[in-house]
């Protein structure tokens, strides 16, 4: 898995924007973007969120918590996960069992 800087650069280049353009969007200097990409400086959490939003990815991807740059970008899915997270443990197990069964069925059908 790449470093924060490598992932940032990858996402910026995928969106076809320069360091200067990204800096302008974030209202900062282009040199700080270069420092982020070289892993010389670590951005704050708020900056990571802004970077992710403007580069069409997630903070989790930039921070190396996932290898999928698009995971959990669906706000309805995030809302549902948060609601499930607030359930009692026994109810969570029930939800997980239903999800597992549904996913297993789709895997068997070759849909996943």
Protein backbone atom coordinates (compact mmCIF):
# COMPACT_ATOMS: atom_id res chain seq x y z
CA UNK A 1 0.00 0.00 0.00
CA UNK A 2 1.39 3.42 -0.92
CA UNK A 3 2.08 6.31 1.37
CA UNK A 4 -0.30 9.23 1.86
CA UNK A 5 1.78 11.33 -0.54
CA UNK A 6 1.76 8.69 -3.27
CA UNK A 7 -1.99 8.23 -2.98
CA UNK A 8 -2.55 11.98 -3.02
CA UNK A 9 -0.46 12.37 -6.16
CA UNK A 10 -2.19 9.41 -7.82
CA UNK A 11 -5.63 10.88 -7.14
CA UNK A 12 -4.60 14.37 -8.22
CA UNK A 13 -3.13 13.07 -11.49
CA UNK A 14 -6.18 10.86 -12.10
CA UNK A 15 -8.30 13.99 -11.89
CA UNK A 16 -5.82 15.71 -14.25
CA UNK A 17 -5.17 18.75 -12.08
CA UNK A 18 -1.86 20.35 -11.19
CA UNK A 19 -0.51 20.95 -7.73
CA UNK A 20 -1.17 24.66 -8.30
CA UNK A 21 -4.80 24.02 -9.23
CA UNK A 22 -5.34 21.83 -6.17
CA UNK A 23 -3.66 24.44 -3.97
CA UNK A 24 -5.96 27.13 -5.37
CA UNK A 25 -9.01 24.98 -4.63
CA UNK A 26 -7.80 24.47 -1.06
CA UNK A 27 -6.77 28.12 -0.71
CA UNK A 28 -3.15 27.25 0.03
CA UNK A 29 0.25 27.43 -1.67
CA UNK A 30 1.26 24.87 -4.31
CA UNK A 31 4.46 24.14 -2.41
CA UNK A 32 2.47 22.63 0.47
CA UNK A 33 0.80 20.21 -1.96
CA UNK A 34 4.28 19.14 -3.11
CA UNK A 35 5.33 18.64 0.51
CA UNK A 36 2.24 16.49 1.14
CA UNK A 37 3.02 14.40 -1.96
CA UNK A 38 6.65 13.92 -0.88
CA UNK A 39 5.47 12.97 2.63
CA UNK A 40 7.50 15.83 4.09
CA UNK A 41 4.47 17.35 5.83
CA UNK A 42 1.33 15.65 7.13
CA UNK A 43 -1.95 17.53 6.63
CA UNK A 44 -4.54 18.02 9.34
CA UNK A 45 -7.65 15.87 9.38
CA UNK A 46 -9.69 18.78 8.01
CA UNK A 47 -7.28 19.16 5.09
CA UNK A 48 -7.39 15.41 4.38
CA UNK A 49 -11.19 15.62 4.23
CA UNK A 50 -11.02 18.57 1.81
CA UNK A 51 -8.45 16.78 -0.34
CA UNK A 52 -10.59 13.65 -0.50
CA UNK A 53 -13.71 15.62 -1.36
CA UNK A 54 -11.99 17.56 -4.14
CA UNK A 55 -10.24 14.50 -5.56
CA UNK A 56 -13.34 12.29 -5.60
CA UNK A 57 -12.00 9.78 -3.11
CA UNK A 58 -12.21 9.15 0.61
CA UNK A 59 -10.06 10.13 3.55
CA UNK A 60 -9.81 6.41 4.37
CA UNK A 61 -8.16 5.76 1.01
CA UNK A 62 -5.70 8.63 1.34
CA UNK A 63 -4.81 7.54 4.88
CA UNK A 64 -4.25 3.92 3.83
CA UNK A 65 -7.22 2.48 5.70
CA UNK A 66 -8.59 0.94 2.49
CA UNK A 67 -7.24 0.06 -0.92
CA UNK A 68 -10.46 1.13 -2.66
CA UNK A 69 -10.50 4.82 -3.52
CA UNK A 70 -14.30 4.89 -3.85
CA UNK A 71 -15.44 2.82 -0.89
CA UNK A 72 -18.18 4.36 1.21
CA UNK A 73 -18.74 7.43 -0.90
CA UNK A 74 -22.47 6.72 -1.05
CA UNK A 75 -24.07 8.93 1.65
CA UNK A 76 -27.08 6.61 2.03
CA UNK A 77 -24.78 3.63 2.64
CA UNK A 78 -22.78 5.61 5.21
CA UNK A 79 -26.03 6.62 6.95
CA UNK A 80 -27.13 2.98 7.10
CA UNK A 81 -23.77 1.81 8.45
CA UNK A 82 -23.93 4.47 11.16
CA UNK A 83 -27.44 3.36 12.09
CA UNK A 84 -26.38 -0.29 12.23
CA UNK A 85 -23.39 0.69 14.35
CA UNK A 86 -25.75 2.18 16.93
CA UNK A 87 -27.76 -1.05 17.29
CA UNK A 88 -27.37 -3.44 20.21
CA UNK A 89 -24.84 -6.24 19.56
CA UNK A 90 -27.50 -8.92 19.08
CA UNK A 91 -29.30 -6.82 16.44
CA UNK A 92 -25.99 -6.12 14.68
CA UNK A 93 -25.34 -9.87 14.45
CA UNK A 94 -28.76 -10.31 12.83
CA UNK A 95 -28.06 -7.56 10.26
CA UNK A 96 -24.62 -9.04 9.50
CA UNK A 97 -26.15 -12.52 9.03
CA UNK A 98 -28.70 -11.17 6.57
CA UNK A 99 -26.01 -9.28 4.66
CA UNK A 100 -23.75 -12.34 4.57
CA UNK A 101 -26.58 -14.51 3.21
CA UNK A 102 -27.47 -11.97 0.54
CA UNK A 103 -23.85 -11.54 -0.54
CA UNK A 104 -23.23 -15.31 -0.57
CA UNK A 105 -26.26 -15.82 -2.83
CA UNK A 106 -25.00 -13.19 -5.27
CA UNK A 107 -21.51 -14.70 -5.25
CA UNK A 108 -22.96 -18.10 -6.10
CA UNK A 109 -24.92 -16.54 -8.96
CA UNK A 110 -21.74 -14.88 -10.23
CA UNK A 111 -23.11 -11.39 -9.63
CA UNK A 112 -20.22 -10.37 -7.37
